C-alpha atoms as a PDB file:
ATOM      1  CA  MET A   1     -16.823 -23.253  -1.833  1.00  0.00           C
ATOM      2  CA  THR A   2     -16.734 -19.627  -3.431  1.00  0.00           C
ATOM      3  CA  VAL A   3     -19.609 -17.745  -3.378  1.00  0.00           C
ATOM      4  CA  ASP A   4     -20.722 -13.844  -4.439  1.00  0.00           C
ATOM      5  CA  ILE A   5     -21.808 -11.892  -2.858  1.00  0.00           C
ATOM      6  CA  PRO A   6     -23.894  -9.137  -3.891  1.00  0.00           C
ATOM      7  CA  GLY A   7     -22.085  -4.931  -4.116  1.00  0.00           C
ATOM      8  CA  PRO A   8     -19.287  -3.316  -1.977  1.00  0.00           C
ATOM      9  CA  ASP A   9     -22.310  -2.424   0.313  1.00  0.00           C
ATOM     10  CA  ALA A  10     -23.194  -6.617   1.921  1.00  0.00           C
ATOM     11  CA  SER A  11     -23.486  -6.963   5.393  1.00  0.00           C
ATOM     12  CA  PHE A  12     -19.515  -7.772   6.397  1.00  0.00           C
ATOM     13  CA  VAL A  13     -16.725  -6.549   8.995  1.00  0.00           C
ATOM     14  CA  LEU A  14     -13.193  -6.934   8.783  1.00  0.00           C
ATOM     15  CA  LEU A  15     -11.722  -9.956  11.477  1.00  0.00           C
ATOM     16  CA  GLY A  16      -7.995  -9.281  10.310  1.00  0.00           C
ATOM     17  CA  THR A  17      -5.646  -9.937   6.953  1.00  0.00           C
ATOM     18  CA  VAL A  18      -3.905 -13.087   6.133  1.00  0.00           C
ATOM     19  CA  VAL A  19       0.136 -11.830   7.267  1.00  0.00           C
ATOM     20  CA  ARG A  20       1.656 -15.524   6.726  1.00  0.00           C
ATOM     21  CA  PRO A  21       0.903 -19.424   6.397  1.00  0.00           C
ATOM     22  CA  HIS A  22       1.718 -20.835   9.796  1.00  0.00           C
ATOM     23  CA  GLY A  23       3.890 -24.259   9.692  1.00  0.00           C
ATOM     24  CA  ILE A  24       3.710 -27.041   6.667  1.00  0.00           C
ATOM     25  CA  ARG A  25       0.246 -27.693   7.424  1.00  0.00           C
ATOM     26  CA  GLY A  26      -1.980 -24.880   5.903  1.00  0.00           C
ATOM     27  CA  GLU A  27      -2.062 -22.906   9.245  1.00  0.00           C
ATOM     28  CA  LEU A  28      -2.386 -19.237   8.127  1.00  0.00           C
ATOM     29  CA  LYS A  29      -1.725 -16.605  10.618  1.00  0.00           C
ATOM     30  CA  VAL A  30      -3.989 -13.364  10.944  1.00  0.00           C
ATOM     31  CA  ARG A  31      -2.868  -9.986  12.523  1.00  0.00           C
ATOM     32  CA  PRO A  32      -6.402  -9.484  13.456  1.00  0.00           C
ATOM     33  CA  TRP A  33      -8.004  -6.065  13.282  1.00  0.00           C
ATOM     34  CA  THR A  34     -10.798  -6.477  15.309  1.00  0.00           C
ATOM     35  CA  GLU A  35     -11.066  -4.859  19.477  1.00  0.00           C
ATOM     36  CA  ARG A  36     -11.288  -8.610  20.685  1.00  0.00           C
ATOM     37  CA  PRO A  37      -8.845 -11.093  18.881  1.00  0.00           C
ATOM     38  CA  GLU A  38     -10.454 -13.808  20.818  1.00  0.00           C
ATOM     39  CA  ASN A  39     -13.288 -13.471  19.317  1.00  0.00           C
ATOM     40  CA  ILE A  40     -12.137 -15.367  15.911  1.00  0.00           C
ATOM     41  CA  CYS A  41     -12.100 -18.295  17.766  1.00  0.00           C
ATOM     42  CA  ARG A  42     -16.290 -18.692  18.418  1.00  0.00           C
ATOM     43  CA  TYR A  43     -16.932 -18.189  15.001  1.00  0.00           C
ATOM     44  CA  GLN A  44     -17.810 -21.174  13.016  1.00  0.00           C
ATOM     45  CA  ARG A  45     -18.191 -19.080   9.462  1.00  0.00           C
ATOM     46  CA  LEU A  46     -15.265 -17.024   7.486  1.00  0.00           C
ATOM     47  CA  TYR A  47     -15.408 -15.562   4.140  1.00  0.00           C
ATOM     48  CA  LEU A  48     -11.972 -15.088   2.545  1.00  0.00           C
ATOM     49  CA  ALA A  49     -11.793 -12.469   0.087  1.00  0.00           C
ATOM     50  CA  ALA A  50      -9.612  -8.851  -1.490  1.00  0.00           C
ATOM     51  CA  GLU A  51     -12.177  -6.579  -0.210  1.00  0.00           C
ATOM     52  CA  PRO A  52     -16.109  -7.242   0.560  1.00  0.00           C
ATOM     53  CA  GLY A  53     -17.350  -6.940  -2.721  1.00  0.00           C
ATOM     54  CA  ASP A  54     -15.084  -9.755  -4.823  1.00  0.00           C
ATOM     55  CA  ARG A  55     -15.816 -13.110  -4.959  1.00  0.00           C
ATOM     56  CA  MET A  56     -15.709 -14.958  -1.088  1.00  0.00           C
ATOM     57  CA  ILE A  57     -14.031 -17.735   0.171  1.00  0.00           C
ATOM     58  CA  GLU A  58     -16.403 -19.837   3.000  1.00  0.00           C
ATOM     59  CA  CYS A  59     -14.734 -21.367   4.940  1.00  0.00           C
ATOM     60  CA  THR A  60     -15.900 -23.434   7.535  1.00  0.00           C
ATOM     61  CA  GLY A  61     -14.840 -26.731   9.992  1.00  0.00           C
ATOM     62  CA  LEU A  62     -11.812 -23.232  11.692  1.00  0.00           C
ATOM     63  CA  GLN A  63      -9.904 -23.430  14.794  1.00  0.00           C
ATOM     64  CA  ALA A  64      -8.006 -20.257  16.052  1.00  0.00           C
ATOM     65  CA  ARG A  65      -5.940 -19.885  18.337  1.00  0.00           C
ATOM     66  CA  LEU A  66      -4.130 -16.637  20.206  1.00  0.00           C
ATOM     67  CA  SER A  67      -0.268 -16.362  19.404  1.00  0.00           C
ATOM     68  CA  GLY A  68       0.940 -12.919  20.936  1.00  0.00           C
ATOM     69  CA  ASN A  69      -0.565 -10.865  19.287  1.00  0.00           C
ATOM     70  CA  MET A  70      -1.656 -12.519  16.157  1.00  0.00           C
ATOM     71  CA  VAL A  71      -4.331 -15.559  15.497  1.00  0.00           C
ATOM     72  CA  ILE A  72      -3.299 -18.549  14.267  1.00  0.00           C
ATOM     73  CA  LEU A  73      -6.267 -19.986  12.201  1.00  0.00           C
ATOM     74  CA  ARG A  74      -7.068 -23.876  11.002  1.00  0.00           C
ATOM     75  CA  LEU A  75      -9.255 -24.061   8.251  1.00  0.00           C
ATOM     76  CA  GLU A  76     -10.722 -27.130   6.191  1.00  0.00           C
ATOM     77  CA  GLN A  77     -10.271 -25.837   3.158  1.00  0.00           C
ATOM     78  CA  CYS A  78      -6.594 -25.132   3.956  1.00  0.00           C
ATOM     79  CA  ALA A  79      -4.739 -28.319   3.807  1.00  0.00           C
ATOM     80  CA  ASP A  80      -0.820 -27.304   2.592  1.00  0.00           C
ATOM     81  CA  ARG A  81       1.571 -24.923   2.942  1.00  0.00           C
ATOM     82  CA  ASP A  82       1.296 -24.271  -0.977  1.00  0.00           C
ATOM     83  CA  ARG A  83      -2.597 -23.043  -0.812  1.00  0.00           C
ATOM     84  CA  ALA A  84      -1.707 -21.171   2.608  1.00  0.00           C
ATOM     85  CA  GLU A  85       0.289 -19.354   0.861  1.00  0.00           C
ATOM     86  CA  GLN A  86      -1.729 -18.770  -2.072  1.00  0.00           C
ATOM     87  CA  LEU A  87      -4.147 -16.324   0.207  1.00  0.00           C
ATOM     88  CA  VAL A  88      -1.466 -14.275   2.009  1.00  0.00           C
ATOM     89  CA  GLY A  89      -2.990 -11.227   1.883  1.00  0.00           C
ATOM     90  CA  LEU A  90      -6.745 -11.620   2.091  1.00  0.00           C
ATOM     91  CA  HIS A  91      -8.822 -10.155   4.782  1.00  0.00           C
ATOM     92  CA  LEU A  92     -11.102 -12.094   7.037  1.00  0.00           C
ATOM     93  CA  TRP A  93     -14.416 -10.986   6.444  1.00  0.00           C
ATOM     94  CA  LEU A  94     -17.779 -11.845   8.656  1.00  0.00           C
ATOM     95  CA  ALA A  95     -21.356 -12.080   8.250  1.00  0.00           C
ATOM     96  CA  THR A  96     -22.666  -9.632  10.576  1.00  0.00           C
ATOM     97  CA  SER A  97     -25.672 -11.712  10.750  1.00  0.00           C
ATOM     98  CA  ASP A  98     -22.650 -13.825  12.689  1.00  0.00           C
ATOM     99  CA  LEU A  99     -21.925 -11.832  14.876  1.00  0.00           C
ATOM    100  CA  PRO A 100     -23.312 -11.848  18.658  1.00  0.00           C
ATOM    101  CA  PRO A 101     -25.699  -8.902  20.127  1.00  0.00           C
ATOM    102  CA  ALA A 102     -24.037  -5.815  21.306  1.00  0.00           C
ATOM    103  CA  GLY A 103     -24.080  -5.253  25.104  1.00  0.00           C
ATOM    104  CA  ALA A 104     -25.633  -2.580  27.581  1.00  0.00           C
ATOM    105  CA  ASP A 105     -23.820   0.349  26.768  1.00  0.00           C
ATOM    106  CA  GLU A 106     -22.293  -1.842  22.866  1.00  0.00           C
ATOM    107  CA  LEU A 107     -22.458  -1.102  19.779  1.00  0.00           C
ATOM    108  CA  TYR A 108     -20.720  -2.393  16.736  1.00  0.00           C
ATOM    109  CA  LEU A 109     -19.077   0.359  15.128  1.00  0.00           C
ATOM    110  CA  HIS A 110     -19.495  -0.609  10.797  1.00  0.00           C
ATOM    111  CA  THR A 111     -23.966   0.330  12.080  1.00  0.00           C
ATOM    112  CA  LEU A 112     -22.228   4.235  12.084  1.00  0.00           C
ATOM    113  CA  MET A 113     -21.603   3.941   8.501  1.00  0.00           C
ATOM    114  CA  HIS A 114     -23.600   5.646   6.519  1.00  0.00           C
ATOM    115  CA  LYS A 115     -25.575   7.652   9.208  1.00  0.00           C
ATOM    116  CA  ARG A 116     -25.639  11.126   9.406  1.00  0.00           C
ATOM    117  CA  ALA A 117     -23.541  12.681  11.981  1.00  0.00           C
ATOM    118  CA  ARG A 118     -24.367  16.310  13.845  1.00  0.00           C
ATOM    119  CA  THR A 119     -22.543  18.128  16.760  1.00  0.00           C
ATOM    120  CA  THR A 120     -24.497  17.853  20.244  1.00  0.00           C
ATOM    121  CA  THR A 121     -24.784  22.077  19.551  1.00  0.00           C
ATOM    122  CA  GLY A 122     -26.311  21.425  16.106  1.00  0.00           C
ATOM    123  CA  GLN A 123     -23.365  21.314  13.503  1.00  0.00           C
ATOM    124  CA  ALA A 124     -24.236  19.056  10.937  1.00  0.00           C
ATOM    125  CA  LEU A 125     -20.653  17.461   9.744  1.00  0.00           C
ATOM    126  CA  GLY A 126     -21.765  15.074   6.939  1.00  0.00           C
ATOM    127  CA  THR A 127     -21.797  11.040   6.250  1.00  0.00           C
ATOM    128  CA  VAL A 128     -19.749   8.381   8.419  1.00  0.00           C
ATOM    129  CA  ARG A 129     -17.742   7.143   5.694  1.00  0.00           C
ATOM    130  CA  ALA A 130     -15.940   4.888   7.235  1.00  0.00           C
ATOM    131  CA  VAL A 131     -14.466   3.333   9.744  1.00  0.00           C
ATOM    132  CA  LEU A 132     -10.519   3.044  10.194  1.00  0.00           C
ATOM    133  CA  SER A 133      -8.696   0.824  12.359  1.00  0.00           C
ATOM    134  CA  SER A 134      -5.209   1.633  13.502  1.00  0.00           C
ATOM    135  CA  GLY A 135      -5.030   1.343  17.028  1.00  0.00           C
ATOM    136  CA  GLN A 136      -7.287   3.984  18.187  1.00  0.00           C
ATOM    137  CA  ASP A 137     -10.997   3.881  15.834  1.00  0.00           C
ATOM    138  CA  VAL A 138     -11.615   7.023  13.886  1.00  0.00           C
ATOM    139  CA  LEU A 139     -14.446   8.083  11.936  1.00  0.00           C
ATOM    140  CA  VAL A 140     -14.180   9.506   8.018  1.00  0.00           C
ATOM    141  CA  ILE A 141     -16.814  12.118   8.248  1.00  0.00           C
ATOM    142  CA  GLY A 142     -17.703  13.852   5.054  1.00  0.00           C
ATOM    143  CA  ASP A 143     -19.779  16.248   3.407  1.00  0.00           C
ATOM    144  CA  GLY A 144     -18.420  17.062  -0.039  1.00  0.00           C
ATOM    145  CA  ASP A 145     -15.045  17.599  -0.093  1.00  0.00           C
ATOM    146  CA  HIS A 146     -14.619  17.712   3.817  1.00  0.00           C
ATOM    147  CA  GLU A 147     -13.636  15.279   5.831  1.00  0.00           C
ATOM    148  CA  TYR A 148     -13.628  15.283   9.624  1.00  0.00           C
ATOM    149  CA  LEU A 149     -11.516  11.953  11.175  1.00  0.00           C
ATOM    150  CA  VAL A 150     -12.890  12.148  15.190  1.00  0.00           C
ATOM    151  CA  PRO A 151     -11.588   9.278  17.789  1.00  0.00           C
ATOM    152  CA  ALA A 152     -14.766   6.810  17.830  1.00  0.00           C
ATOM    153  CA  ILE A 153     -14.218   6.954  21.472  1.00  0.00           C
ATOM    154  CA  TRP A 154     -17.949   6.542  23.616  1.00  0.00           C
ATOM    155  CA  ALA A 155     -17.410   9.727  25.463  1.00  0.00           C
ATOM    156  CA  PHE A 156     -17.757  11.447  22.668  1.00  0.00           C
ATOM    157  CA  ILE A 157     -21.274   9.930  21.221  1.00  0.00           C
ATOM    158  CA  ALA A 158     -23.810  11.230  22.904  1.00  0.00           C
ATOM    159  CA  SER A 159     -26.043   8.627  20.444  1.00  0.00           C
ATOM    160  CA  VAL A 160     -26.985   7.140  17.739  1.00  0.00           C
ATOM    161  CA  ASP A 161     -30.487   6.117  17.120  1.00  0.00           C
ATOM    162  CA  GLU A 162     -31.949   4.427  13.285  1.00  0.00           C
ATOM    163  CA  THR A 163     -30.003   8.255  10.838  1.00  0.00           C
ATOM    164  CA  GLU A 164     -27.862   9.732  12.754  1.00  0.00           C
ATOM    165  CA  VAL A 165     -24.538   9.469  15.385  1.00  0.00           C
ATOM    166  CA  VAL A 166     -24.225  13.015  17.482  1.00  0.00           C
ATOM    167  CA  LEU A 167     -20.908  13.777  19.025  1.00  0.00           C
ATOM    168  CA  ASP A 168     -20.307  15.436  21.571  1.00  0.00           C
ATOM    169  CA  LEU A 169     -16.454  16.856  21.043  1.00  0.00           C
ATOM    170  CA  PRO A 170     -14.050  19.146  23.237  1.00  0.00           C
ATOM    171  CA  PRO A 171     -13.763  22.229  21.976  1.00  0.00           C
ATOM    172  CA  GLY A 172     -11.054  22.286  18.717  1.00  0.00           C
ATOM    173  CA  LEU A 173     -10.997  18.916  17.806  1.00  0.00           C
ATOM    174  CA  LEU A 174     -13.038  19.738  14.677  1.00  0.00           C
ATOM    175  CA  ASP A 175     -10.525  22.510  13.879  1.00  0.00           C
ATOM    176  CA  ILE A 176      -7.061  20.809  13.978  1.00  0.00           C
ATOM    177  CA  ASN A 177      -8.809  18.424  10.459  1.00  0.00           C
ATOM    178  CA  ARG A 178      -8.843  22.052   8.566  1.00  0.00           C
END
């Protein structure tokens, strides 16, 4: 089933990318982009699309297992290798409404998107524009044409409220972005 998702700000989080078929029965090998890839096994409904604003394929009947650093995913909507090959390159998305609640002293990094960012000393940095995931999650914070790249680690996050994230950054960290 294909569903329309309104606009690029739709409430979805990226879980992984389909990298190739696995076997002949339609299984997919997925590179996870989540801190806990084993959680993919728990979700009942996922979506496949190139980008969150694109038409999405709703996927149900999920079976998933870990295989090394990859996830092997079986979907009701993908019954053979030919169909699996058509899905290579698509991203695996989860509706934020299907996320389990964050625990104490936890937060989902996507919740920082579009919040104003400042340091504990009061320096305004701009707005959180993106979260890059490549081994170490990084917040992309921008104001006009200038961007700061700040590692998204608990030690740097002093507080978060509805509109703002306050960062306690080590001396010199912002200078390396200049």
